[in-house]
C-alpha cells in the first residue's frame, strides 16, 4: 500500500468533533508525507440534502500551480 492509500484509510476511520476535522485531516496528510500543510485546502460545504450535515472536501494543491 502506498502513502496516499494509507492516509486515506486513516482518514476514513477518523472520529473527532466536527470543529477538529479540518486540522486532523491536514495532519494525517502531512504525517504520511502526502502534502505539507501549505499545500492542503479543505472546503466545507453545507449544500447537501440532510439538514445539519456538512461535507468536507480536501484538495492537495499541485506544486506546479502558484499560490495566490
Protein backbone atom coordinates (compact mmCIF):
# COMPACT_ATOMS: atom_id res chain seq x y z
CA UNK A 1 0.00 0.00 0.00
CA UNK A 2 1.41 3.43 -0.88
CA UNK A 3 1.37 6.53 1.32
CA UNK A 4 -1.75 8.10 -0.16
CA UNK A 5 -3.72 4.87 0.36
CA UNK A 6 -2.54 4.65 3.96
CA UNK A 7 -3.52 8.29 4.54
CA UNK A 8 -6.98 7.72 3.02
CA UNK A 9 -7.56 4.67 5.21
CA UNK A 10 -6.55 6.67 8.27
CA UNK A 11 -8.93 9.50 7.29
CA UNK A 12 -11.80 7.06 6.71
CA UNK A 13 -11.53 5.72 10.25
CA UNK A 14 -11.13 9.18 11.80
CA UNK A 15 -13.50 10.04 14.64
CA UNK A 16 -13.38 13.52 16.11
CA UNK A 17 -15.58 16.58 16.74
CA UNK A 18 -16.50 18.47 13.56
CA UNK A 19 -14.54 21.52 14.68
CA UNK A 20 -11.32 19.50 14.71
CA UNK A 21 -11.87 17.61 11.46
CA UNK A 22 -10.09 20.02 9.12
CA UNK A 23 -6.98 20.13 11.30
CA UNK A 24 -6.95 16.34 11.80
CA UNK A 25 -7.23 15.59 8.04
CA UNK A 26 -4.45 18.06 7.24
CA UNK A 27 -2.32 16.49 9.98
CA UNK A 28 -2.84 12.98 8.60
CA UNK A 29 -1.92 14.04 5.04
CA UNK A 30 1.19 15.74 6.40
CA UNK A 31 2.10 12.76 8.64
CA UNK A 32 2.06 10.33 5.71
CA UNK A 33 4.13 12.69 3.57
CA UNK A 34 1.32 13.21 1.05
CA UNK A 35 1.47 17.01 1.27
CA UNK A 36 2.61 19.82 3.54
CA UNK A 37 0.04 21.95 5.38
CA UNK A 38 0.52 24.84 2.95
CA UNK A 39 -0.48 22.53 0.08
CA UNK A 40 -3.73 21.33 1.69
CA UNK A 41 -7.05 23.10 1.28
CA UNK A 42 -10.20 21.75 2.96
CA UNK A 43 -13.55 23.16 1.88
CA UNK A 44 -16.68 22.71 3.95
CA UNK A 45 -19.97 22.58 2.07
CA UNK A 46 -23.36 22.97 3.69
CA UNK A 47 -25.09 22.25 0.38
CA UNK A 48 -26.21 18.66 0.95
CA UNK A 49 -29.58 17.01 1.26
CA UNK A 50 -29.79 16.46 5.03
CA UNK A 51 -30.19 19.42 7.42
CA UNK A 52 -27.40 19.78 9.95
CA UNK A 53 -24.88 17.78 7.93
CA UNK A 54 -21.92 19.14 6.03
CA UNK A 55 -19.40 17.72 3.61
CA UNK A 56 -15.65 18.26 3.72
CA UNK A 57 -13.56 18.11 0.54
CA UNK A 58 -9.78 18.01 0.97
CA UNK A 59 -7.72 19.20 -2.00
CA UNK A 60 -3.98 18.83 -2.36
CA UNK A 61 -2.61 21.77 -4.30
CA UNK A 62 -0.18 20.97 -7.07
CA UNK A 63 3.40 22.10 -6.63
CA UNK A 64 3.17 23.37 -10.22
CA UNK A 65 0.36 25.82 -9.51
CA UNK A 66 1.16 29.16 -7.88
CA UNK A 67 -0.48 30.01 -4.55
CA UNK A 68 -2.49 33.22 -4.81
